[in-house]
Amino acid sequence: MLDHFFSGSALCAVDKAGRLTLPAFVRATLARRGDARALLVGAHDSAPCLTAYDRSVLPLLHADLERRRIGAQRDADAHHSRARRAFGFAEECGIEAGVVELPPLVRRRAGIGAFALIVGAGATFEIWDAEAARASDDPDLAELAAFHLEFQSAA
């Protein structure tokens, strides 16, 4: 059971190698969970972004996949597709001094450019290309992105 959740949002510069400094709210949650040395980063289940989490979330992801599989017994293809997204696109990334390097496959999958919008989502957090988030149909996500991008350009 998780006792600490990702809550907050931040804009992070991404260099050519895909490195970004994780925001304080992410680093603090990882530290409270006990492992601030690695993340799993992979394809989001339904949004055009990445999802990131530490190893403590893996049993929850597996349990959710099994619950869905049992609930939709006749749709094996959907189950396998969800499992591939959850585990096949996930890559472990080391964290050094708060910096993580997003692997090329996952960066490509989410179209991460020069700026990433990090958004807390409870047990996990999302990593969006900041411009894609600003153009999102989700008004809350678009507002978060617009705020952070405008604040960054004013600085």
N, C-alpha and C. Protein backbone atom coordinates (compact mmCIF):
# COMPACT_ATOMS: atom_id res chain seq x y z
N MET A 1 0.84 -1.18 0.00
CA MET A 1 0.00 0.00 0.00
C MET A 1 0.89 1.25 0.00
N LEU A 2 0.55 2.18 -0.81
CA LEU A 2 1.32 3.42 -0.90
C LEU A 2 0.80 4.43 0.13
N ASP A 3 1.74 5.11 0.78
CA ASP A 3 1.38 6.14 1.75
C ASP A 3 1.74 7.54 1.27
N HIS A 4 2.52 7.63 0.20
CA HIS A 4 3.00 8.93 -0.28
C HIS A 4 2.67 9.06 -1.76
N PHE A 5 2.14 10.22 -2.14
CA PHE A 5 1.65 10.41 -3.49
C PHE A 5 2.30 11.61 -4.16
N PHE A 6 2.34 11.57 -5.49
CA PHE A 6 2.87 12.68 -6.28
C PHE A 6 1.78 13.73 -6.44
N SER A 7 2.06 14.92 -5.97
CA SER A 7 1.10 16.01 -6.04
C SER A 7 1.84 17.29 -6.38
N GLY A 8 1.45 17.93 -7.48
CA GLY A 8 2.09 19.16 -7.91
C GLY A 8 2.35 19.14 -9.40
N SER A 9 2.95 20.20 -9.88
CA SER A 9 3.31 20.28 -11.30
C SER A 9 4.52 21.20 -11.44
N ALA A 10 5.28 20.99 -12.50
CA ALA A 10 6.47 21.81 -12.74
C ALA A 10 6.89 21.67 -14.20
N LEU A 11 7.57 22.69 -14.68
CA LEU A 11 8.14 22.68 -16.02
C LEU A 11 9.63 22.40 -15.89
N CYS A 12 10.14 21.47 -16.70
CA CYS A 12 11.55 21.09 -16.64
C CYS A 12 12.16 21.19 -18.02
N ALA A 13 13.33 21.81 -18.10
CA ALA A 13 14.08 21.84 -19.36
C ALA A 13 14.62 20.44 -19.62
N VAL A 14 14.61 20.04 -20.90
CA VAL A 14 15.13 18.74 -21.32
C VAL A 14 16.27 19.00 -22.28
N ASP A 15 17.45 18.46 -21.98
CA ASP A 15 18.58 18.69 -22.88
C ASP A 15 18.56 17.70 -24.05
N LYS A 16 19.50 17.84 -24.97
CA LYS A 16 19.53 17.00 -26.18
C LYS A 16 19.63 15.51 -25.87
N ALA A 17 20.26 15.15 -24.74
CA ALA A 17 20.40 13.75 -24.34
C ALA A 17 19.16 13.23 -23.62
N GLY A 18 18.17 14.10 -23.40
CA GLY A 18 16.95 13.67 -22.72
C GLY A 18 17.03 13.78 -21.20
N ARG A 19 18.02 14.50 -20.69
CA ARG A 19 18.16 14.65 -19.24
C ARG A 19 17.31 15.81 -18.74
N LEU A 20 16.71 15.59 -17.58
CA LEU A 20 15.97 16.65 -16.91
C LEU A 20 16.14 16.52 -15.42
N THR A 21 16.08 17.64 -14.74
CA THR A 21 16.14 17.64 -13.28
C THR A 21 14.72 17.49 -12.75
N LEU A 22 14.51 16.45 -11.97
CA LEU A 22 13.19 16.20 -11.42
C LEU A 22 12.81 17.31 -10.44
N PRO A 23 11.55 17.74 -10.47
CA PRO A 23 11.13 18.80 -9.54
C PRO A 23 11.14 18.31 -8.09
N ALA A 24 11.19 19.25 -7.18
CA ALA A 24 11.27 18.94 -5.75
C ALA A 24 10.13 18.03 -5.29
N PHE A 25 8.90 18.24 -5.77
CA PHE A 25 7.78 17.40 -5.29
C PHE A 25 7.97 15.94 -5.67
N VAL A 26 8.61 15.67 -6.81
CA VAL A 26 8.87 14.29 -7.22
C VAL A 26 9.99 13.70 -6.37
N ARG A 27 11.09 14.44 -6.22
CA ARG A 27 12.21 13.95 -5.42
C ARG A 27 11.79 13.66 -3.99
N ALA A 28 10.98 14.54 -3.41
CA ALA A 28 10.54 14.35 -2.03
C ALA A 28 9.67 13.10 -1.88
N THR A 29 8.76 12.88 -2.81
CA THR A 29 7.90 11.70 -2.74
C THR A 29 8.72 10.43 -2.91
N LEU A 30 9.64 10.42 -3.86
CA LEU A 30 10.50 9.24 -4.04
C LEU A 30 11.30 8.96 -2.77
N ALA A 31 11.82 9.99 -2.15
CA ALA A 31 12.61 9.81 -0.92
C ALA A 31 11.73 9.25 0.20
N ARG A 32 10.50 9.76 0.33
CA ARG A 32 9.60 9.23 1.37
C ARG A 32 9.23 7.78 1.11
N ARG A 33 9.16 7.41 -0.16
CA ARG A 33 8.85 6.02 -0.50
C ARG A 33 10.05 5.10 -0.30
N GLY A 34 11.23 5.68 -0.16
CA GLY A 34 12.39 4.88 0.18
C GLY A 34 13.38 4.62 -0.94
N ASP A 35 13.10 5.02 -2.18
CA ASP A 35 14.06 4.76 -3.25
C ASP A 35 14.07 5.92 -4.23
N ALA A 36 15.04 6.80 -4.04
CA ALA A 36 15.16 7.97 -4.92
C ALA A 36 16.28 7.76 -5.93
N ARG A 37 16.61 6.49 -6.22
CA ARG A 37 17.72 6.20 -7.13
C ARG A 37 17.28 5.74 -8.52
N ALA A 38 15.99 5.41 -8.68
CA ALA A 38 15.54 4.92 -9.98
C ALA A 38 14.06 5.15 -10.18
N LEU A 39 13.68 5.27 -11.44
CA LEU A 39 12.28 5.41 -11.86
C LEU A 39 12.02 4.42 -12.97
N LEU A 40 10.78 4.03 -13.10
CA LEU A 40 10.33 3.34 -14.30
C LEU A 40 9.52 4.37 -15.07
N VAL A 41 9.82 4.50 -16.35
CA VAL A 41 9.15 5.48 -17.20
C VAL A 41 8.62 4.73 -18.41
N GLY A 42 7.36 4.92 -18.72
CA GLY A 42 6.78 4.21 -19.86
C GLY A 42 5.59 4.93 -20.45
N ALA A 43 4.95 4.26 -21.38
CA ALA A 43 3.79 4.80 -22.08
C ALA A 43 2.59 4.89 -21.14
N HIS A 44 1.90 5.99 -21.21
CA HIS A 44 0.65 6.17 -20.46
C HIS A 44 -0.41 5.27 -21.06
N ASP A 45 -1.35 4.82 -20.24
CA ASP A 45 -2.39 3.90 -20.71
C ASP A 45 -3.29 4.52 -21.77
N SER A 46 -3.57 5.83 -21.67
CA SER A 46 -4.53 6.40 -22.62
C SER A 46 -4.15 7.78 -23.15
N ALA A 47 -3.22 8.47 -22.52
CA ALA A 47 -2.87 9.83 -22.94
C ALA A 47 -1.55 9.84 -23.71
N PRO A 48 -1.32 10.85 -24.53
CA PRO A 48 -0.08 10.93 -25.31
C PRO A 48 1.07 11.52 -24.49
N CYS A 49 1.34 10.88 -23.35
CA CYS A 49 2.40 11.32 -22.47
C CYS A 49 3.07 10.08 -21.88
N LEU A 50 4.00 10.32 -20.99
CA LEU A 50 4.66 9.22 -20.28
C LEU A 50 4.10 9.14 -18.87
N THR A 51 4.23 7.97 -18.29
CA THR A 51 3.90 7.81 -16.88
C THR A 51 5.17 7.32 -16.19
N ALA A 52 5.41 7.81 -14.98
CA ALA A 52 6.63 7.46 -14.26
C ALA A 52 6.28 7.09 -12.82
N TYR A 53 7.06 6.18 -12.28
CA TYR A 53 6.80 5.68 -10.93
C TYR A 53 8.02 4.92 -10.44
N ASP A 54 8.03 4.63 -9.15
CA ASP A 54 9.11 3.82 -8.59
C ASP A 54 8.63 2.36 -8.53
N ARG A 55 9.52 1.46 -8.17
CA ARG A 55 9.22 0.03 -8.16
C ARG A 55 8.05 -0.35 -7.25
N SER A 56 7.76 0.44 -6.23
CA SER A 56 6.68 0.10 -5.30
C SER A 56 5.32 0.10 -5.99
N VAL A 57 5.21 0.71 -7.16
CA VAL A 57 3.94 0.79 -7.88
C VAL A 57 3.71 -0.46 -8.76
N LEU A 58 4.76 -1.21 -9.07
CA LEU A 58 4.63 -2.37 -9.96
C LEU A 58 3.56 -3.36 -9.52
N PRO A 59 3.50 -3.75 -8.25
CA PRO A 59 2.42 -4.68 -7.86
C PRO A 59 1.03 -4.11 -8.08
N LEU A 60 0.87 -2.80 -7.89
CA LEU A 60 -0.43 -2.17 -8.13
C LEU A 60 -0.79 -2.21 -9.61
N LEU A 61 0.20 -1.95 -10.49
CA LEU A 61 -0.05 -2.02 -11.94
C LEU A 61 -0.45 -3.42 -12.35
N HIS A 62 0.26 -4.41 -11.83
CA HIS A 62 -0.05 -5.80 -12.18
C HIS A 62 -1.44 -6.18 -11.69
N ALA A 63 -1.77 -5.80 -10.47
CA ALA A 63 -3.10 -6.10 -9.92
C ALA A 63 -4.20 -5.45 -10.75
N ASP A 64 -3.97 -4.21 -11.20
CA ASP A 64 -4.96 -3.52 -12.04
C ASP A 64 -5.13 -4.24 -13.38
N LEU A 65 -4.02 -4.67 -13.97
CA LEU A 65 -4.11 -5.42 -15.23
C LEU A 65 -4.89 -6.72 -15.05
N GLU A 66 -4.62 -7.43 -13.97
CA GLU A 66 -5.34 -8.68 -13.71
C GLU A 66 -6.83 -8.44 -13.46
N ARG A 67 -7.14 -7.38 -12.72
CA ARG A 67 -8.55 -7.04 -12.48
C ARG A 67 -9.26 -6.77 -13.79
N ARG A 68 -8.61 -6.01 -14.67
CA ARG A 68 -9.21 -5.71 -15.98
C ARG A 68 -9.33 -6.97 -16.84
N ARG A 69 -8.31 -7.85 -16.77
CA ARG A 69 -8.34 -9.08 -17.56
C ARG A 69 -9.51 -9.96 -17.13
N ILE A 70 -9.68 -10.10 -15.85
CA ILE A 70 -10.76 -10.94 -15.32
C ILE A 70 -12.12 -10.32 -15.64
N GLY A 71 -12.21 -9.00 -15.57
CA GLY A 71 -13.48 -8.31 -15.86
C GLY A 71 -13.87 -8.36 -17.32
N ALA A 72 -12.90 -8.50 -18.22
CA ALA A 72 -13.19 -8.53 -19.67
C ALA A 72 -12.63 -9.83 -20.25
N GLN A 73 -13.13 -10.95 -19.77
CA GLN A 73 -12.59 -12.27 -20.11
C GLN A 73 -12.53 -12.53 -21.60
N ARG A 74 -13.41 -11.95 -22.37
CA ARG A 74 -13.46 -12.25 -23.80
C ARG A 74 -12.53 -11.37 -24.64
N ASP A 75 -11.92 -10.39 -24.05
CA ASP A 75 -11.12 -9.46 -24.83
C ASP A 75 -9.63 -9.61 -24.50
N ALA A 76 -9.06 -10.74 -24.90
CA ALA A 76 -7.65 -11.02 -24.62
C ALA A 76 -6.73 -10.04 -25.33
N ASP A 77 -7.12 -9.61 -26.53
CA ASP A 77 -6.28 -8.67 -27.27
C ASP A 77 -6.10 -7.35 -26.51
N ALA A 78 -7.18 -6.84 -25.93
CA ALA A 78 -7.10 -5.59 -25.17
C ALA A 78 -6.21 -5.78 -23.95
N HIS A 79 -6.32 -6.94 -23.30
CA HIS A 79 -5.47 -7.21 -22.14
C HIS A 79 -4.00 -7.20 -22.53
N HIS A 80 -3.66 -7.89 -23.60
CA HIS A 80 -2.26 -7.97 -24.01
C HIS A 80 -1.74 -6.60 -24.46
N SER A 81 -2.58 -5.82 -25.08
CA SER A 81 -2.19 -4.47 -25.48
C SER A 81 -1.89 -3.61 -24.26
N ARG A 82 -2.77 -3.67 -23.25
CA ARG A 82 -2.53 -2.92 -22.00
C ARG A 82 -1.25 -3.39 -21.32
N ALA A 83 -1.03 -4.69 -21.29
CA ALA A 83 0.18 -5.24 -20.65
C ALA A 83 1.44 -4.78 -21.38
N ARG A 84 1.41 -4.75 -22.70
CA ARG A 84 2.57 -4.26 -23.46
C ARG A 84 2.83 -2.80 -23.16
N ARG A 85 1.76 -1.98 -23.10
CA ARG A 85 1.96 -0.56 -22.78
C ARG A 85 2.53 -0.41 -21.37
N ALA A 86 1.99 -1.18 -20.42
CA ALA A 86 2.40 -1.03 -19.02
C ALA A 86 3.82 -1.53 -18.78
N PHE A 87 4.20 -2.63 -19.42
CA PHE A 87 5.48 -3.24 -19.11
C PHE A 87 6.47 -3.22 -20.27
N GLY A 88 6.00 -3.31 -21.50
CA GLY A 88 6.89 -3.34 -22.65
C GLY A 88 7.54 -2.01 -22.96
N PHE A 89 6.83 -0.92 -22.72
CA PHE A 89 7.38 0.40 -22.98
C PHE A 89 8.07 0.99 -21.76
N ALA A 90 7.98 0.33 -20.63
CA ALA A 90 8.58 0.86 -19.40
C ALA A 90 10.08 0.56 -19.37
N GLU A 91 10.84 1.59 -19.08
CA GLU A 91 12.29 1.44 -18.96
C GLU A 91 12.73 2.02 -17.62
N GLU A 92 13.66 1.31 -16.97
CA GLU A 92 14.19 1.82 -15.72
C GLU A 92 15.24 2.88 -16.01
N CYS A 93 15.13 3.99 -15.29
CA CYS A 93 16.05 5.11 -15.46
C CYS A 93 16.68 5.42 -14.11
N GLY A 94 17.98 5.48 -14.08
CA GLY A 94 18.67 5.86 -12.86
C GLY A 94 18.52 7.34 -12.59
N ILE A 95 18.59 7.70 -11.32
CA ILE A 95 18.52 9.10 -10.91
C ILE A 95 19.83 9.43 -10.20
N GLU A 96 20.52 10.45 -10.68
CA GLU A 96 21.74 10.92 -10.03
C GLU A 96 21.60 12.40 -9.74
N ALA A 97 21.72 12.74 -8.46
CA ALA A 97 21.61 14.13 -8.03
C ALA A 97 20.33 14.79 -8.55
N GLY A 98 19.24 14.03 -8.56
CA GLY A 98 17.95 14.56 -8.98
C GLY A 98 17.74 14.63 -10.48
N VAL A 99 18.73 14.15 -11.26
CA VAL A 99 18.65 14.20 -12.72
C VAL A 99 18.35 12.81 -13.25
N VAL A 100 17.39 12.74 -14.17
CA VAL A 100 17.04 11.49 -14.84
C VAL A 100 17.20 11.68 -16.33
N GLU A 101 17.62 10.63 -17.01
CA GLU A 101 17.74 10.67 -18.48
C GLU A 101 16.64 9.82 -19.07
N LEU A 102 15.74 10.47 -19.82
CA LEU A 102 14.64 9.76 -20.46
C LEU A 102 15.18 9.01 -21.67
N PRO A 103 14.95 7.69 -21.74
CA PRO A 103 15.45 6.92 -22.88
C PRO A 103 14.80 7.37 -24.19
N PRO A 104 15.53 7.22 -25.31
CA PRO A 104 15.01 7.67 -26.61
C PRO A 104 13.66 7.07 -26.98
N LEU A 105 13.42 5.80 -26.69
CA LEU A 105 12.15 5.17 -27.06
C LEU A 105 10.97 5.87 -26.40
N VAL A 106 11.06 6.10 -25.10
CA VAL A 106 9.92 6.72 -24.42
C VAL A 106 9.79 8.20 -24.78
N ARG A 107 10.94 8.88 -24.97
CA ARG A 107 10.87 10.29 -25.41
C ARG A 107 10.16 10.38 -26.75
N ARG A 108 10.52 9.48 -27.64
CA ARG A 108 9.88 9.47 -28.97
C ARG A 108 8.39 9.19 -28.84
N ARG A 109 8.04 8.22 -28.01
CA ARG A 109 6.64 7.82 -27.84
C ARG A 109 5.77 9.02 -27.44
N ALA A 110 6.31 9.88 -26.57
CA ALA A 110 5.53 11.02 -26.07
C ALA A 110 5.88 12.33 -26.76
N GLY A 111 6.83 12.31 -27.69
CA GLY A 111 7.20 13.53 -28.39
C GLY A 111 7.78 14.59 -27.48
N ILE A 112 8.54 14.17 -26.47
CA ILE A 112 9.10 15.12 -25.51
C ILE A 112 10.16 15.98 -26.21
N GLY A 113 9.96 17.30 -26.15
CA GLY A 113 10.88 18.25 -26.78
C GLY A 113 11.75 18.94 -25.75
N ALA A 114 11.91 20.24 -25.89
CA ALA A 114 12.83 21.02 -25.06
C ALA A 114 12.33 21.23 -23.63
N PHE A 115 11.01 21.15 -23.43
CA PHE A 115 10.45 21.33 -22.10
C PHE A 115 9.44 20.23 -21.81
N ALA A 116 9.53 19.69 -20.60
CA ALA A 116 8.59 18.67 -20.14
C ALA A 116 7.75 19.26 -19.01
N LEU A 117 6.46 19.00 -19.05
CA LEU A 117 5.57 19.36 -17.96
C LEU A 117 5.39 18.11 -17.11
N ILE A 118 5.77 18.20 -15.85
CA ILE A 118 5.63 17.09 -14.91
C ILE A 118 4.36 17.35 -14.11
N VAL A 119 3.46 16.36 -14.09
CA VAL A 119 2.17 16.52 -13.41
C VAL A 119 1.95 15.34 -12.46
N GLY A 120 1.79 15.65 -11.18
CA GLY A 120 1.50 14.61 -10.20
C GLY A 120 0.16 13.96 -10.49
N ALA A 121 0.12 12.62 -10.34
CA ALA A 121 -1.11 11.88 -10.60
C ALA A 121 -1.34 10.81 -9.52
N GLY A 122 -0.98 11.13 -8.28
CA GLY A 122 -1.19 10.19 -7.19
C GLY A 122 -0.05 9.19 -7.07
N ALA A 123 -0.31 7.94 -7.40
CA ALA A 123 0.71 6.89 -7.29
C ALA A 123 1.82 7.08 -8.32
N THR A 124 1.53 7.77 -9.40
CA THR A 124 2.48 8.00 -10.48
C THR A 124 2.54 9.49 -10.79
N PHE A 125 3.41 9.85 -11.73
CA PHE A 125 3.35 11.19 -12.27
C PHE A 125 3.49 11.11 -13.78
N GLU A 126 2.97 12.13 -14.45
CA GLU A 126 2.99 12.16 -15.91
C GLU A 126 4.08 13.10 -16.39
N ILE A 127 4.65 12.75 -17.55
CA ILE A 127 5.64 13.60 -18.20
C ILE A 127 5.09 13.92 -19.59
N TRP A 128 4.77 15.18 -19.81
CA TRP A 128 4.18 15.65 -21.06
C TRP A 128 5.18 16.52 -21.81
N ASP A 129 5.14 16.47 -23.12
CA ASP A 129 5.77 17.54 -23.87
C ASP A 129 4.96 18.79 -23.52
N ALA A 130 5.65 19.85 -23.09
CA ALA A 130 4.94 21.03 -22.59
C ALA A 130 4.01 21.66 -23.62
N GLU A 131 4.45 21.73 -24.88
CA GLU A 131 3.59 22.33 -25.92
C GLU A 131 2.39 21.44 -26.23
N ALA A 132 2.58 20.12 -26.21
CA ALA A 132 1.45 19.21 -26.43
C ALA A 132 0.44 19.36 -25.29
N ALA A 133 0.92 19.52 -24.07
CA ALA A 133 0.02 19.71 -22.94
C ALA A 133 -0.76 21.01 -23.07
N ARG A 134 -0.08 22.08 -23.53
CA ARG A 134 -0.76 23.37 -23.71
C ARG A 134 -1.85 23.27 -24.77
N ALA A 135 -1.66 22.42 -25.78
CA ALA A 135 -2.63 22.26 -26.86
C ALA A 135 -3.68 21.18 -26.55
N SER A 136 -3.62 20.60 -25.37
CA SER A 136 -4.53 19.51 -24.99
C SER A 136 -5.98 19.96 -24.97
N ASP A 137 -6.87 19.00 -25.22
CA ASP A 137 -8.30 19.24 -25.09
C ASP A 137 -8.74 19.28 -23.62
N ASP A 138 -7.88 18.83 -22.73
CA ASP A 138 -8.18 18.86 -21.30
C ASP A 138 -7.88 20.28 -20.79
N PRO A 139 -8.92 21.05 -20.42
CA PRO A 139 -8.69 22.45 -20.04
C PRO A 139 -7.79 22.61 -18.82
N ASP A 140 -7.84 21.68 -17.87
CA ASP A 140 -6.99 21.80 -16.69
C ASP A 140 -5.52 21.58 -17.05
N LEU A 141 -5.25 20.57 -17.86
CA LEU A 141 -3.88 20.31 -18.31
C LEU A 141 -3.37 21.48 -19.14
N ALA A 142 -4.18 21.97 -20.05
CA ALA A 142 -3.78 23.10 -20.90
C ALA A 142 -3.48 24.33 -20.05
N GLU A 143 -4.27 24.56 -19.01
CA GLU A 143 -4.04 25.71 -18.13
C GLU A 143 -2.73 25.55 -17.35
N LEU A 144 -2.48 24.36 -16.83
CA LEU A 144 -1.20 24.11 -16.13
C LEU A 144 -0.02 24.39 -17.05
N ALA A 145 -0.08 23.85 -18.26
CA ALA A 145 1.02 24.04 -19.22
C ALA A 145 1.19 25.51 -19.57
N ALA A 146 0.10 26.19 -19.85
CA ALA A 146 0.18 27.61 -20.22
C ALA A 146 0.79 28.41 -19.08
N PHE A 147 0.36 28.16 -17.87
CA PHE A 147 0.91 28.89 -16.71
C PHE A 147 2.42 28.68 -16.62
N HIS A 148 2.85 27.42 -16.62
CA HIS A 148 4.27 27.14 -16.45
C HIS A 148 5.10 27.69 -17.61
N LEU A 149 4.60 27.56 -18.83
CA LEU A 149 5.35 28.09 -19.98
C LEU A 149 5.44 29.62 -19.95
N GLU A 150 4.35 30.28 -19.57
CA GLU A 150 4.37 31.75 -19.47
C GLU A 150 5.27 32.21 -18.34
N PHE A 151 5.23 31.51 -17.21
CA PHE A 151 6.08 31.85 -16.09
C PHE A 151 7.55 31.66 -16.45
N GLN A 152 7.86 30.60 -17.18
CA GLN A 152 9.24 30.30 -17.58
C GLN A 152 9.76 31.37 -18.54
N SER A 153 8.91 31.79 -19.49
CA SER A 153 9.37 32.77 -20.47
C SER A 153 9.52 34.17 -19.86
N ALA A 154 8.80 34.43 -18.77
CA ALA A 154 8.90 35.73 -18.09
C ALA A 154 10.15 35.81 -17.22
N ALA A 155 10.69 34.64 -16.88
CA ALA A 155 11.86 34.62 -15.97
C ALA A 155 13.15 34.97 -16.67
